[in-house]
Amino acid sequence: MKRICLLLIMSLMTLWGFAQNNQLVSWKIDTVKIGPLTYELKIKATIKESWHIYSQDPSRGGVAMPTQIIFEENRNIEMIGKTQEKGVEQEDGKSCSYYSKEVTFTQKIKLKSEDKTNLNFTIKYMICTDQMCQPPSSKKFSVII
């Protein structure tokens, strides 16, 4: 009986070790009012060391899935321009196909009325090291503006 209990406890501890939250990318969402009914949505990705995520622009030479930010339609929100991205540039000054450590995606939005509204969006991305990639991931967010 003691052996069975010990085996059960050891099995559970092993499973618990694999279930730890080993988040490779954490996301922080902020909105900043920049004018009447106009806001900037800032989406900051903090990336675990030795990992990177790819640019939104597949023409920059990335080999994996580009990051996509997909906004759900909302009758009270108008998107102004494309989503911009800014991260640490490569040392040689070339355009980045991927970002390590952190990157901030910025989207300007304009409300059509002063009513509070939800902006729902999904971020699809792939995180890689120089040797391997994780399967593509997606996260859903909702922001009250």
C-alpha atoms as a PDB file:
ATOM      1  CA  MET A   1       0.000   0.000   0.000  1.00  0.00           C
ATOM      2  CA  LYS A   2       2.846   2.385   0.854  1.00  0.00           C
ATOM      3  CA  ARG A   3       4.474   1.676  -2.502  1.00  0.00           C
ATOM      4  CA  ILE A   4       1.249   2.458  -4.364  1.00  0.00           C
ATOM      5  CA  CYS A   5       0.816   5.733  -2.471  1.00  0.00           C
ATOM      6  CA  LEU A   6       4.444   6.666  -3.117  1.00  0.00           C
ATOM      7  CA  LEU A   7       4.103   5.817  -6.819  1.00  0.00           C
ATOM      8  CA  LEU A   8       0.892   7.855  -7.047  1.00  0.00           C
ATOM      9  CA  ILE A   9       2.486  10.873  -5.336  1.00  0.00           C
ATOM     10  CA  MET A  10       5.573  10.681  -7.587  1.00  0.00           C
ATOM     11  CA  SER A  11       3.357  10.466 -10.699  1.00  0.00           C
ATOM     12  CA  LEU A  12       1.331  13.476  -9.617  1.00  0.00           C
ATOM     13  CA  MET A  13       4.482  15.488  -8.893  1.00  0.00           C
ATOM     14  CA  THR A  14       5.813  14.670 -12.371  1.00  0.00           C
ATOM     15  CA  LEU A  15       2.574  15.799 -14.007  1.00  0.00           C
ATOM     16  CA  TRP A  16       2.527  18.949 -11.863  1.00  0.00           C
ATOM     17  CA  GLY A  17       6.053  19.781 -13.076  1.00  0.00           C
ATOM     18  CA  PHE A  18       4.955  19.623 -16.700  1.00  0.00           C
ATOM     19  CA  ALA A  19       1.882  21.744 -16.002  1.00  0.00           C
ATOM     20  CA  GLN A  20       3.827  24.759 -14.749  1.00  0.00           C
ATOM     21  CA  ASN A  21       3.014  28.075 -16.418  1.00  0.00           C
ATOM     22  CA  ASN A  22       5.974  28.422 -18.736  1.00  0.00           C
ATOM     23  CA  GLN A  23       4.704  31.431 -20.632  1.00  0.00           C
ATOM     24  CA  LEU A  24       7.102  32.435 -23.394  1.00  0.00           C
ATOM     25  CA  VAL A  25       5.245  35.633 -24.376  1.00  0.00           C
ATOM     26  CA  SER A  26       3.292  37.905 -22.042  1.00  0.00           C
ATOM     27  CA  TRP A  27       1.004  40.603 -23.377  1.00  0.00           C
ATOM     28  CA  LYS A  28       0.147  43.999 -21.879  1.00  0.00           C
ATOM     29  CA  ILE A  29      -2.627  46.139 -23.373  1.00  0.00           C
ATOM     30  CA  ASP A  30      -2.965  49.918 -22.836  1.00  0.00           C
ATOM     31  CA  THR A  31      -5.124  52.607 -24.382  1.00  0.00           C
ATOM     32  CA  VAL A  32      -4.049  56.241 -24.475  1.00  0.00           C
ATOM     33  CA  LYS A  33      -6.377  59.092 -25.414  1.00  0.00           C
ATOM     34  CA  ILE A  34      -4.623  61.238 -28.035  1.00  0.00           C
ATOM     35  CA  GLY A  35      -7.496  63.472 -29.131  1.00  0.00           C
ATOM     36  CA  PRO A  36     -11.276  63.870 -29.108  1.00  0.00           C
ATOM     37  CA  LEU A  37     -12.687  60.350 -29.503  1.00  0.00           C
ATOM     38  CA  THR A  38      -9.248  59.216 -30.735  1.00  0.00           C
ATOM     39  CA  TYR A  39      -7.120  56.625 -28.953  1.00  0.00           C
ATOM     40  CA  GLU A  40      -3.923  54.693 -29.397  1.00  0.00           C
ATOM     41  CA  LEU A  41      -4.096  51.014 -28.555  1.00  0.00           C
ATOM     42  CA  LYS A  42      -0.688  49.753 -27.429  1.00  0.00           C
ATOM     43  CA  ILE A  43      -0.081  46.006 -27.376  1.00  0.00           C
ATOM     44  CA  LYS A  44       3.257  45.162 -25.774  1.00  0.00           C
ATOM     45  CA  ALA A  45       4.726  41.676 -26.070  1.00  0.00           C
ATOM     46  CA  THR A  46       7.433  40.722 -23.599  1.00  0.00           C
ATOM     47  CA  ILE A  47       9.334  37.701 -24.873  1.00  0.00           C
ATOM     48  CA  LYS A  48      11.318  35.233 -22.804  1.00  0.00           C
ATOM     49  CA  GLU A  49      15.086  35.280 -23.382  1.00  0.00           C
ATOM     50  CA  SER A  50      16.422  33.313 -26.399  1.00  0.00           C
ATOM     51  CA  TRP A  51      12.951  33.334 -28.032  1.00  0.00           C
ATOM     52  CA  HIS A  52      11.516  35.686 -30.661  1.00  0.00           C
ATOM     53  CA  ILE A  53       8.266  36.416 -32.506  1.00  0.00           C
ATOM     54  CA  TYR A  54       7.994  37.466 -36.105  1.00  0.00           C
ATOM     55  CA  SER A  55       7.073  40.777 -37.675  1.00  0.00           C
ATOM     56  CA  GLN A  56       3.611  41.395 -39.122  1.00  0.00           C
ATOM     57  CA  ASP A  57       5.232  41.900 -42.526  1.00  0.00           C
ATOM     58  CA  PRO A  58       6.055  38.552 -44.174  1.00  0.00           C
ATOM     59  CA  SER A  59       8.103  40.312 -46.883  1.00  0.00           C
ATOM     60  CA  ARG A  60      10.844  41.076 -44.335  1.00  0.00           C
ATOM     61  CA  GLY A  61      12.244  37.593 -44.746  1.00  0.00           C
ATOM     62  CA  GLY A  62      10.866  35.733 -41.735  1.00  0.00           C
ATOM     63  CA  VAL A  63      10.734  31.964 -42.090  1.00  0.00           C
ATOM     64  CA  ALA A  64       7.786  31.365 -39.767  1.00  0.00           C
ATOM     65  CA  MET A  65       4.226  32.633 -39.498  1.00  0.00           C
ATOM     66  CA  PRO A  66       4.048  36.441 -39.261  1.00  0.00           C
ATOM     67  CA  THR A  67       2.278  37.959 -36.269  1.00  0.00           C
ATOM     68  CA  GLN A  68      -1.335  38.879 -37.031  1.00  0.00           C
ATOM     69  CA  ILE A  69      -3.644  41.142 -35.047  1.00  0.00           C
ATOM     70  CA  ILE A  70      -7.222  40.543 -36.116  1.00  0.00           C
ATOM     71  CA  PHE A  71      -9.765  43.123 -34.923  1.00  0.00           C
ATOM     72  CA  GLU A  72     -13.433  42.164 -34.725  1.00  0.00           C
ATOM     73  CA  GLU A  73     -15.827  44.551 -36.423  1.00  0.00           C
ATOM     74  CA  ASN A  74     -17.395  47.182 -34.201  1.00  0.00           C
ATOM     75  CA  ARG A  75     -19.802  49.781 -35.565  1.00  0.00           C
ATOM     76  CA  ASN A  76     -18.559  52.398 -33.088  1.00  0.00           C
ATOM     77  CA  ILE A  77     -14.845  52.028 -33.938  1.00  0.00           C
ATOM     78  CA  GLU A  78     -12.904  53.170 -36.980  1.00  0.00           C
ATOM     79  CA  MET A  79      -9.323  51.952 -37.451  1.00  0.00           C
ATOM     80  CA  ILE A  80      -6.908  54.703 -38.512  1.00  0.00           C
ATOM     81  CA  GLY A  81      -4.109  53.337 -40.661  1.00  0.00           C
ATOM     82  CA  LYS A  82      -2.314  50.035 -40.224  1.00  0.00           C
ATOM     83  CA  THR A  83      -1.019  48.539 -37.001  1.00  0.00           C
ATOM     84  CA  GLN A  84       2.542  49.771 -36.470  1.00  0.00           C
ATOM     85  CA  GLU A  85       5.244  47.778 -34.698  1.00  0.00           C
ATOM     86  CA  LYS A  86       8.338  48.902 -32.880  1.00  0.00           C
ATOM     87  CA  GLY A  87      10.989  46.784 -31.243  1.00  0.00           C
ATOM     88  CA  VAL A  88      14.736  46.675 -30.800  1.00  0.00           C
ATOM     89  CA  GLU A  89      16.377  46.956 -34.221  1.00  0.00           C
ATOM     90  CA  GLN A  90      19.083  44.551 -35.269  1.00  0.00           C
ATOM     91  CA  GLU A  91      22.621  45.829 -34.674  1.00  0.00           C
ATOM     92  CA  ASP A  92      23.413  46.015 -38.391  1.00  0.00           C
ATOM     93  CA  GLY A  93      20.532  48.442 -38.964  1.00  0.00           C
ATOM     94  CA  LYS A  94      18.573  46.126 -41.270  1.00  0.00           C
ATOM     95  CA  SER A  95      14.825  45.717 -40.946  1.00  0.00           C
ATOM     96  CA  CYS A  96      13.793  43.149 -38.369  1.00  0.00           C
ATOM     97  CA  SER A  97      12.010  40.035 -39.513  1.00  0.00           C
ATOM     98  CA  TYR A  98      11.569  39.137 -35.852  1.00  0.00           C
ATOM     99  CA  TYR A  99      11.734  40.695 -32.395  1.00  0.00           C
ATOM    100  CA  SER A 100      13.445  39.413 -29.270  1.00  0.00           C
ATOM    101  CA  LYS A 101      12.840  40.665 -25.720  1.00  0.00           C
ATOM    102  CA  GLU A 102       9.913  42.966 -26.580  1.00  0.00           C
ATOM    103  CA  VAL A 103       7.897  44.596 -29.312  1.00  0.00           C
ATOM    104  CA  THR A 104       5.019  47.083 -29.159  1.00  0.00           C
ATOM    105  CA  PHE A 105       2.213  47.066 -31.714  1.00  0.00           C
ATOM    106  CA  THR A 106       0.296  50.352 -31.956  1.00  0.00           C
ATOM    107  CA  GLN A 107      -3.080  50.910 -33.608  1.00  0.00           C
ATOM    108  CA  LYS A 108      -4.851  54.284 -33.761  1.00  0.00           C
ATOM    109  CA  ILE A 109      -8.619  54.121 -33.408  1.00  0.00           C
ATOM    110  CA  LYS A 110     -11.407  56.648 -33.519  1.00  0.00           C
ATOM    111  CA  LEU A 111     -14.764  56.252 -31.825  1.00  0.00           C
ATOM    112  CA  LYS A 112     -17.832  57.306 -33.784  1.00  0.00           C
ATOM    113  CA  SER A 113     -19.676  58.277 -30.576  1.00  0.00           C
ATOM    114  CA  GLU A 114     -18.850  58.882 -26.918  1.00  0.00           C
ATOM    115  CA  ASP A 115     -20.508  55.619 -25.846  1.00  0.00           C
ATOM    116  CA  LYS A 116     -18.198  53.107 -24.150  1.00  0.00           C
ATOM    117  CA  THR A 117     -17.511  50.141 -26.378  1.00  0.00           C
ATOM    118  CA  ASN A 118     -15.555  46.893 -26.406  1.00  0.00           C
ATOM    119  CA  LEU A 119     -12.739  46.357 -28.846  1.00  0.00           C
ATOM    120  CA  ASN A 120     -12.235  42.610 -29.313  1.00  0.00           C
ATOM    121  CA  PHE A 121      -9.202  41.238 -31.106  1.00  0.00           C
ATOM    122  CA  THR A 122      -7.099  38.120 -31.532  1.00  0.00           C
ATOM    123  CA  ILE A 123      -3.323  37.957 -31.806  1.00  0.00           C
ATOM    124  CA  LYS A 124      -1.929  35.033 -33.783  1.00  0.00           C
ATOM    125  CA  TYR A 125       1.802  34.487 -33.540  1.00  0.00           C
ATOM    126  CA  MET A 126       4.593  31.933 -33.633  1.00  0.00           C
ATOM    127  CA  ILE A 127       7.457  31.938 -31.158  1.00  0.00           C
ATOM    128  CA  CYS A 128      10.825  30.480 -32.100  1.00  0.00           C
ATOM    129  CA  THR A 129      14.457  30.121 -31.094  1.00  0.00           C
ATOM    130  CA  ASP A 130      17.315  29.773 -33.560  1.00  0.00           C
ATOM    131  CA  GLN A 131      16.816  25.983 -33.454  1.00  0.00           C
ATOM    132  CA  MET A 132      13.052  25.400 -33.208  1.00  0.00           C
ATOM    133  CA  CYS A 133       9.562  26.889 -33.212  1.00  0.00           C
ATOM    134  CA  GLN A 134       6.530  26.259 -31.066  1.00  0.00           C
ATOM    135  CA  PRO A 135       3.206  25.578 -32.807  1.00  0.00           C
ATOM    136  CA  PRO A 136       1.315  28.770 -33.717  1.00  0.00           C
ATOM    137  CA  SER A 137      -0.565  30.351 -30.802  1.00  0.00           C
ATOM    138  CA  SER A 138      -3.480  32.732 -30.543  1.00  0.00           C
ATOM    139  CA  LYS A 139      -4.755  34.883 -27.693  1.00  0.00           C
ATOM    140  CA  LYS A 140      -8.056  36.748 -27.497  1.00  0.00           C
ATOM    141  CA  PHE A 141      -8.382  40.133 -25.846  1.00  0.00           C
ATOM    142  CA  SER A 142     -11.192  42.570 -25.075  1.00  0.00           C
ATOM    143  CA  VAL A 143     -10.583  46.215 -24.186  1.00  0.00           C
ATOM    144  CA  ILE A 144     -13.209  48.700 -23.009  1.00  0.00           C
ATOM    145  CA  ILE A 145     -12.764  52.098 -24.630  1.00  0.00           C
END
